[in-house]
């Protein structure tokens, strides 16, 4: 099996790209009628409520109906307040400058523009010829992209930061890469895994720049609101474990929660992070290897690794597109979210298998990266 996973699909690349393109066209055909018309504010409403509360001196991490969305599925019910770090309480005030529905429409086009820019940069770097078009269609069909647009989430500008950081690390521009990573971490702290692994692997400058950038951003809400806002945020994050079972949570915690053994998710996540830390210190892998594991571990080891987070794996999937183990996760991540959500209310076995398809896609990608990394280490050992 290891030999199969290590196989290059270079001779089959046109066929693989064609399959991804056609499958993505189907996904777009399914998603567009659901996403593009006005359909309520969803998570964007929570962001408007958070910014409005902060501007009024209220708790930006409170629940404020009807703006804060209330999610109900068979066997699942939850409020979805803003979970982003305190700097979001300042940024989200911009969403309340116009009527919320209009702001949502504007933000949707900003999100599309940021995503298009990120995809363009990656395609220019990694593809050529007809594959550029096909893989561009595949990127446009990813479930995380459409669910981001549907919910009014903030992921695509952050994906653009991550893509710029990845490409600048490749080029040796550590300062710009570190700034982009720091901005990413300041809004999504689970990605702290990335600069920590870079530091442990010996890439100190981008890590230190990222830390400095993140610290500066963190000081802004501290000066504006005082330390209480951090206590409010941490209290909300600590109380949000019940949502781990939601089917679009692709992390180890999500898989373990659906298996009925939530503690296992924490244990496996800890083992993964510890193992990567030891590996980074001992092997000093390449900057792309460590970045690939850093981005993937940020999703798998997070308590909540939503399907939207899989967009951050675009550079990983495109970089390793010539490997057979990258193809199936790339395909599975285009399965539209509504298809997965139909498994709510099904048996625990069905929810853990078909209902957890995004989590299994990330697990496959992890296995592929591990096998790829072992092969690279063996080659290095033989060349010494």
Protein backbone atom coordinates (compact mmCIF):
# COMPACT_ATOMS: atom_id res chain seq x y z
CA UNK A 1 0.00 0.00 0.00
CA UNK A 2 2.85 2.39 0.81
CA UNK A 3 4.28 1.77 -2.64
CA UNK A 4 0.95 2.65 -4.22
CA UNK A 5 0.63 5.85 -2.22
CA UNK A 6 4.10 6.94 -3.29
CA UNK A 7 3.31 6.48 -6.98
CA UNK A 8 3.50 9.56 -9.17
CA UNK A 9 0.46 10.16 -11.31
CA UNK A 10 2.34 12.36 -13.77
CA UNK A 11 1.29 10.25 -16.80
CA UNK A 12 -2.32 10.36 -15.58
CA UNK A 13 -2.35 14.02 -14.60
CA UNK A 14 -4.51 15.17 -17.52
CA UNK A 15 -7.11 12.51 -16.70
CA UNK A 16 -7.02 13.33 -12.97
CA UNK A 17 -7.39 17.04 -13.69
CA UNK A 18 -10.29 16.30 -16.05
CA UNK A 19 -12.05 14.23 -13.38
CA UNK A 20 -11.56 16.95 -10.77
CA UNK A 21 -12.85 19.57 -13.20
CA UNK A 22 -15.98 17.64 -14.15
CA UNK A 23 -16.74 16.72 -10.55
CA UNK A 24 -16.33 20.38 -9.54
CA UNK A 25 -18.70 21.52 -12.29
CA UNK A 26 -21.34 19.23 -10.78
CA UNK A 27 -20.62 20.66 -7.30
CA UNK A 28 -20.93 24.24 -8.59
CA UNK A 29 -24.21 23.34 -10.32
CA UNK A 30 -25.52 22.01 -6.99
CA UNK A 31 -24.22 24.84 -4.79
CA UNK A 32 -24.81 28.00 -6.84
CA UNK A 33 -28.65 27.98 -6.62
CA UNK A 34 -28.38 27.52 -2.85
CA UNK A 35 -25.72 30.12 -2.19
CA UNK A 36 -26.10 33.05 -4.56
CA UNK A 37 -29.68 34.21 -3.79
CA UNK A 38 -30.37 36.02 -0.51
CA UNK A 39 -30.99 33.32 2.11
CA UNK A 40 -30.55 35.02 5.48
CA UNK A 41 -27.44 36.31 7.23
CA UNK A 42 -26.23 33.18 9.01
CA UNK A 43 -22.71 33.60 10.45
CA UNK A 44 -22.44 37.05 8.93
CA UNK A 45 -25.31 38.05 11.22
CA UNK A 46 -23.26 36.94 14.23
CA UNK A 47 -20.41 39.15 13.05
CA UNK A 48 -22.72 42.14 12.63
CA UNK A 49 -24.13 41.52 16.12
CA UNK A 50 -20.63 41.24 17.59
CA UNK A 51 -19.45 44.49 16.03
CA UNK A 52 -22.66 46.29 17.03
CA UNK A 53 -22.37 45.03 20.63
CA UNK A 54 -18.72 46.13 20.86
CA UNK A 55 -19.60 49.59 19.55
CA UNK A 56 -22.34 49.85 22.20
CA UNK A 57 -20.14 48.73 25.09
CA UNK A 58 -21.76 45.30 25.30
CA UNK A 59 -20.21 41.82 25.22
CA UNK A 60 -19.19 41.07 21.60
CA UNK A 61 -19.33 37.35 22.43
CA UNK A 62 -22.94 37.33 23.52
CA UNK A 63 -26.00 35.91 21.76
CA UNK A 64 -28.15 38.57 20.11
CA UNK A 65 -31.21 37.21 18.29
CA UNK A 66 -32.22 37.47 15.53
CA UNK A 67 -28.75 38.35 14.19
CA UNK A 68 -26.96 35.51 16.00
CA UNK A 69 -27.86 32.34 14.05
CA UNK A 70 -29.55 29.43 15.79
CA UNK A 71 -28.72 26.09 14.13
CA UNK A 72 -31.09 23.13 14.51
CA UNK A 73 -30.63 19.67 12.99
CA UNK A 74 -31.90 16.26 14.12
CA UNK A 75 -30.01 15.60 17.35
CA UNK A 76 -28.16 18.91 17.22
CA UNK A 77 -28.99 22.45 18.35
CA UNK A 78 -26.66 25.39 18.92
CA UNK A 79 -26.32 29.17 18.85
CA UNK A 80 -23.45 30.39 16.67
CA UNK A 81 -22.00 33.58 18.18
CA UNK A 82 -18.77 35.17 16.99
CA UNK A 83 -15.85 32.96 18.06
CA UNK A 84 -13.04 35.00 16.51
CA UNK A 85 -10.37 36.71 18.66
CA UNK A 86 -11.04 40.17 20.15
CA UNK A 87 -9.63 42.13 17.21
CA UNK A 88 -12.70 40.93 15.29
CA UNK A 89 -14.91 43.05 17.56
CA UNK A 90 -13.28 46.11 15.97
CA UNK A 91 -13.16 44.79 12.40
CA UNK A 92 -16.77 43.62 12.41
CA UNK A 93 -18.04 47.10 13.18
CA UNK A 94 -17.43 47.83 9.49
CA UNK A 95 -20.11 45.26 8.63
CA UNK A 96 -22.69 47.46 10.40
CA UNK A 97 -21.99 50.59 8.34
CA UNK A 98 -24.78 49.64 5.93
CA UNK A 99 -27.96 47.59 6.17
CA UNK A 100 -26.84 44.02 7.01
CA UNK A 101 -28.23 42.36 3.87
CA UNK A 102 -26.43 44.89 1.67
CA UNK A 103 -23.24 44.45 3.69
CA UNK A 104 -23.54 40.70 3.23
CA UNK A 105 -23.76 41.08 -0.55
CA UNK A 106 -20.73 43.37 -0.63
CA UNK A 107 -18.76 41.01 1.60
CA UNK A 108 -19.67 38.06 -0.62
CA UNK A 109 -18.03 39.75 -3.61
CA UNK A 110 -14.99 40.72 -1.56
CA UNK A 111 -14.71 37.07 -0.49
CA UNK A 112 -14.96 35.88 -4.10
CA UNK A 113 -12.28 38.39 -5.15
CA UNK A 114 -9.87 37.31 -2.41
CA UNK A 115 -10.37 33.65 -3.23
CA UNK A 116 -9.89 34.25 -6.95
CA UNK A 117 -6.62 36.06 -6.21
CA UNK A 118 -5.38 33.20 -4.01
CA UNK A 119 -6.25 30.57 -6.62
CA UNK A 120 -4.67 32.64 -9.41
CA UNK A 121 -1.38 32.93 -7.52
CA UNK A 122 -1.23 29.18 -6.91
CA UNK A 123 -2.21 28.20 -10.44
CA UNK A 124 0.42 30.56 -11.88
CA UNK A 125 3.00 28.89 -9.66
CA UNK A 126 2.08 25.22 -10.07
CA UNK A 127 0.17 24.60 -13.30
CA UNK A 128 0.35 25.17 -17.03
CA UNK A 129 -1.71 24.52 -20.14
CA UNK A 130 -5.16 22.97 -19.98
CA UNK A 131 -4.61 21.80 -16.41
CA UNK A 132 -4.70 25.42 -15.27
CA UNK A 133 -8.33 25.74 -16.35
CA UNK A 134 -9.37 22.36 -14.97
CA UNK A 135 -7.71 22.86 -11.59
CA UNK A 136 -9.13 26.37 -11.45
CA UNK A 137 -12.60 24.88 -11.89
CA UNK A 138 -11.78 22.32 -9.18
CA UNK A 139 -10.77 25.11 -6.78
CA UNK A 140 -14.01 26.93 -7.58
CA UNK A 141 -15.99 23.78 -6.74
CA UNK A 142 -14.54 23.13 -3.29
CA UNK A 143 -17.20 22.69 -0.63
CA UNK A 144 -15.36 24.99 1.76
CA UNK A 145 -15.55 27.86 -0.72
CA UNK A 146 -19.30 27.59 -1.25
CA UNK A 147 -20.05 27.14 2.44
CA UNK A 148 -17.93 30.21 3.18
CA UNK A 149 -20.07 32.22 0.77
CA UNK A 150 -23.30 30.71 2.10
CA UNK A 151 -22.54 31.54 5.73
CA UNK A 152 -20.90 34.92 5.06
CA UNK A 153 -17.70 33.74 6.72
CA UNK A 154 -14.34 35.54 6.69
CA UNK A 155 -12.04 32.77 5.51
CA UNK A 156 -11.07 33.78 1.98
CA UNK A 157 -9.01 36.90 2.85
CA UNK A 158 -7.18 34.72 5.36
CA UNK A 159 -6.64 32.05 2.70
CA UNK A 160 -5.06 34.77 0.56
CA UNK A 161 -2.71 35.62 3.47
CA UNK A 162 -1.76 31.94 3.79
CA UNK A 163 -1.12 31.57 0.05
CA UNK A 164 1.07 34.67 -0.04
CA UNK A 165 2.97 33.37 2.98
CA UNK A 166 3.47 29.94 1.38
CA UNK A 167 4.77 31.42 -1.87
CA UNK A 168 7.03 33.91 -0.10
CA UNK A 169 8.51 31.13 2.05
CA UNK A 170 9.33 29.28 -1.17
CA UNK A 171 11.10 32.39 -2.46
CA UNK A 172 12.99 32.98 0.77
CA UNK A 173 11.16 36.20 1.66
CA UNK A 174 10.85 35.44 5.37
CA UNK A 175 9.71 38.89 6.48
CA UNK A 176 6.65 39.18 4.23
CA UNK A 177 5.80 35.54 4.86
CA UNK A 178 6.00 36.10 8.61
CA UNK A 179 3.74 39.15 8.43
CA UNK A 180 1.11 37.19 6.49
CA UNK A 181 1.30 34.26 8.92
CA UNK A 182 1.02 36.65 11.87
CA UNK A 183 -2.12 38.23 10.40
CA UNK A 184 -3.58 34.77 9.82
CA UNK A 185 -2.85 33.64 13.38
CA UNK A 186 -4.29 36.85 14.83
CA UNK A 187 -7.71 35.89 13.41
CA UNK A 188 -7.43 32.08 13.53
CA UNK A 189 -5.18 31.09 16.47
CA UNK A 190 -5.24 27.38 15.59
CA UNK A 191 -2.79 28.22 12.79
CA UNK A 192 -0.18 29.00 15.45
CA UNK A 193 0.92 25.43 14.73
CA UNK A 194 2.48 26.65 11.47
CA UNK A 195 4.96 29.24 12.82
CA UNK A 196 5.80 27.04 15.83
CA UNK A 197 6.79 24.16 13.54
CA UNK A 198 8.74 26.55 11.34
CA UNK A 199 10.66 27.74 14.40
CA UNK A 200 11.39 24.20 15.60
CA UNK A 201 12.60 23.22 12.12
CA UNK A 202 15.11 26.07 12.15
CA UNK A 203 13.20 28.68 10.14
CA UNK A 204 13.41 31.28 12.87
CA UNK A 205 12.94 34.59 11.03
CA UNK A 206 9.42 34.01 9.61
CA UNK A 207 8.35 32.59 12.98
CA UNK A 208 9.62 35.58 14.94
CA UNK A 209 8.10 38.06 12.49
CA UNK A 210 4.79 36.19 12.72
CA UNK A 211 4.93 36.32 16.52
CA UNK A 212 5.67 40.05 16.50
CA UNK A 213 2.85 40.72 14.02
CA UNK A 214 0.35 38.66 15.99
CA UNK A 215 1.35 40.38 19.24
CA UNK A 216 0.90 43.84 17.75
CA UNK A 217 -2.55 42.93 16.44
CA UNK A 218 -3.51 41.50 19.85
CA UNK A 219 -2.60 44.77 21.55
CA UNK A 220 -5.15 46.74 19.51
CA UNK A 221 -8.31 45.33 21.17
CA UNK A 222 -6.51 45.33 24.52
CA UNK A 223 -6.06 49.09 24.19
CA UNK A 224 -9.59 49.62 22.85
CA UNK A 225 -11.57 47.43 25.26
CA UNK A 226 -9.28 46.41 28.10
CA UNK A 227 -8.40 42.87 29.23
CA UNK A 228 -12.01 41.86 29.95
CA UNK A 229 -12.67 41.19 26.26
CA UNK A 230 -10.03 38.46 26.29
CA UNK A 231 -11.64 36.80 29.29
CA UNK A 232 -15.03 36.93 27.54
CA UNK A 233 -13.57 35.36 24.40
CA UNK A 234 -11.70 32.59 26.24
CA UNK A 235 -14.78 31.76 28.30
CA UNK A 236 -16.86 31.36 25.15
CA UNK A 237 -14.21 29.25 23.40
CA UNK A 238 -13.89 26.98 26.44
CA UNK A 239 -17.66 26.41 26.53
CA UNK A 240 -18.05 25.62 22.84
CA UNK A 241 -17.08 21.93 22.83
CA UNK A 242 -20.61 20.70 22.11
CA UNK A 243 -20.32 21.80 18.48
CA UNK A 244 -17.47 19.38 17.78
CA UNK A 245 -19.97 16.72 16.73
CA UNK A 246 -21.28 18.84 13.83
CA UNK A 247 -20.73 16.98 10.56
CA UNK A 248 -18.72 19.71 8.84
CA UNK A 249 -16.10 19.60 11.61
CA UNK A 250 -13.26 17.69 9.92
CA UNK A 251 -10.86 17.60 12.87
CA UNK A 252 -9.85 14.62 14.99
CA UNK A 253 -12.10 16.02 17.71
CA UNK A 254 -15.05 15.89 15.33
CA UNK A 255 -14.36 12.28 14.34
CA UNK A 256 -13.91 11.25 17.97
CA UNK A 257 -17.08 13.05 19.10
CA UNK A 258 -19.13 11.25 16.44
CA UNK A 259 -17.54 7.97 17.55
CA UNK A 260 -18.76 8.67 21.10
CA UNK A 261 -15.24 8.96 22.57
CA UNK A 262 -14.47 12.71 22.52
CA UNK A 263 -11.43 12.35 24.79
CA UNK A 264 -9.72 10.32 22.06
CA UNK A 265 -9.77 13.34 19.77
CA UNK A 266 -7.81 15.37 22.30
CA UNK A 267 -5.30 12.56 22.81
CA UNK A 268 -4.73 11.95 19.09
CA UNK A 269 -4.41 15.69 18.46
CA UNK A 270 -1.81 15.98 21.21
CA UNK A 271 0.14 13.01 19.86
CA UNK A 272 0.10 14.50 16.36
CA UNK A 273 1.40 17.87 17.55
CA UNK A 274 4.05 16.33 19.77
CA UNK A 275 5.17 13.99 16.99
CA UNK A 276 5.45 16.85 14.51
CA UNK A 277 7.42 18.92 17.01
CA UNK A 278 9.94 16.10 17.55
CA UNK A 279 10.18 15.46 13.80
CA UNK A 280 10.74 19.14 13.04
CA UNK A 281 13.57 19.38 15.60
CA UNK A 282 15.30 16.16 14.54
CA UNK A 283 14.90 16.08 10.78
CA UNK A 284 14.90 19.78 9.88
CA UNK A 285 12.57 19.19 6.90
CA UNK A 286 12.24 21.56 3.96
CA UNK A 287 10.17 24.68 4.39
CA UNK A 288 7.43 23.27 2.14
CA UNK A 289 7.31 19.97 4.03
CA UNK A 290 6.97 21.68 7.39
CA UNK A 291 4.43 24.16 6.04
CA UNK A 292 2.33 21.33 4.60
CA UNK A 293 2.19 19.54 7.94
CA UNK A 294 1.67 22.84 9.77
CA UNK A 295 -1.41 23.76 7.73
CA UNK A 296 -2.90 20.26 7.92
CA UNK A 297 -2.23 19.86 11.65
CA UNK A 298 -3.86 23.23 12.31
CA UNK A 299 -7.08 21.67 11.02
CA UNK A 300 -6.82 18.14 12.37
CA UNK A 301 -5.70 19.13 15.89
CA UNK A 302 -8.18 22.00 16.24
CA UNK A 303 -11.31 21.39 18.33
CA UNK A 304 -13.31 22.86 15.44
CA UNK A 305 -11.82 22.28 11.99
CA UNK A 306 -14.71 23.39 9.80
CA UNK A 307 -14.96 22.48 6.11
CA UNK A 308 -14.12 26.13 5.31
CA UNK A 309 -10.67 25.58 6.84
CA UNK A 310 -9.88 23.06 4.10
CA UNK A 311 -9.38 26.00 1.72
CA UNK A 312 -6.08 26.60 3.51
CA UNK A 313 -4.90 23.29 2.08
CA UNK A 314 -5.00 24.59 -1.50
CA UNK A 315 -1.21 25.11 -1.63
CA UNK A 316 -0.61 21.64 -0.21
CA UNK A 317 -2.94 19.89 -2.65
CA UNK A 318 -1.60 21.78 -5.66
CA UNK A 319 2.03 21.31 -4.66
CA UNK A 320 1.56 17.53 -4.33
CA UNK A 321 -0.93 17.18 -7.19
CA UNK A 322 1.35 14.68 -8.97
CA UNK A 323 0.94 12.14 -6.15
CA UNK A 324 -1.88 9.63 -6.16
CA UNK A 325 -2.55 10.15 -2.43
CA UNK A 326 -3.48 13.80 -3.04
CA UNK A 327 -6.11 13.04 -5.67
CA UNK A 328 -8.82 11.39 -3.56
CA UNK A 329 -8.83 14.07 -0.79
CA UNK A 330 -8.98 16.73 -3.51
CA UNK A 331 -12.02 14.98 -4.96
CA UNK A 332 -13.79 14.36 -1.65
CA UNK A 333 -13.44 17.98 -0.58
CA UNK A 334 -15.69 19.04 -3.46
CA UNK A 335 -18.68 17.06 -2.15
CA UNK A 336 -21.31 19.74 -1.41
CA UNK A 337 -22.11 20.42 2.23
CA UNK A 338 -25.89 19.81 1.85
CA UNK A 339 -25.16 16.19 0.90
CA UNK A 340 -23.14 15.67 4.08
CA UNK A 341 -25.72 17.38 6.29
CA UNK A 342 -28.39 14.90 5.19
CA UNK A 343 -26.68 12.37 7.48
CA UNK A 344 -27.78 14.26 10.59
CA UNK A 345 -30.20 12.00 12.39
CA UNK A 346 -28.71 8.87 10.81
CA UNK A 347 -27.11 6.12 12.89
CA UNK A 348 -23.83 6.81 14.67
CA UNK A 349 -22.03 4.48 12.24
CA UNK A 350 -23.33 6.37 9.21
CA UNK A 351 -22.43 9.73 10.73
CA UNK A 352 -18.92 8.47 11.49
CA UNK A 353 -18.41 7.13 7.96
CA UNK A 354 -20.33 8.87 5.16
CA UNK A 355 -21.19 11.81 7.42
CA UNK A 356 -17.53 12.36 8.26
CA UNK A 357 -16.20 12.30 4.70
CA UNK A 358 -14.34 15.61 5.13
CA UNK A 359 -12.53 14.33 8.21
CA UNK A 360 -11.50 11.13 6.44
CA UNK A 361 -10.26 13.17 3.47
CA UNK A 362 -7.92 15.07 5.80
CA UNK A 363 -6.80 11.82 7.43
CA UNK A 364 -5.93 10.41 3.99
CA UNK A 365 -3.94 13.54 3.26
CA UNK A 366 -2.06 13.14 6.54
CA UNK A 367 -1.14 9.54 5.72
CA UNK A 368 0.03 10.61 2.28
CA UNK A 369 2.21 13.38 3.69
CA UNK A 370 3.73 11.02 6.25
CA UNK A 371 4.63 8.45 3.60
CA UNK A 372 5.97 11.19 1.33
CA UNK A 373 8.04 12.55 4.21
CA UNK A 374 9.50 9.16 5.06
CA UNK A 375 10.54 8.69 1.45
CA UNK A 376 12.24 12.08 1.45
CA UNK A 377 14.07 11.26 4.70
CA UNK A 378 15.34 7.97 3.26
CA UNK A 379 16.68 9.77 0.22
CA UNK A 380 18.47 12.28 2.44
CA UNK A 381 19.97 9.49 4.54
CA UNK A 382 21.25 7.68 1.45
CA UNK A 383 22.83 10.85 0.07
CA UNK A 384 24.81 11.50 3.28
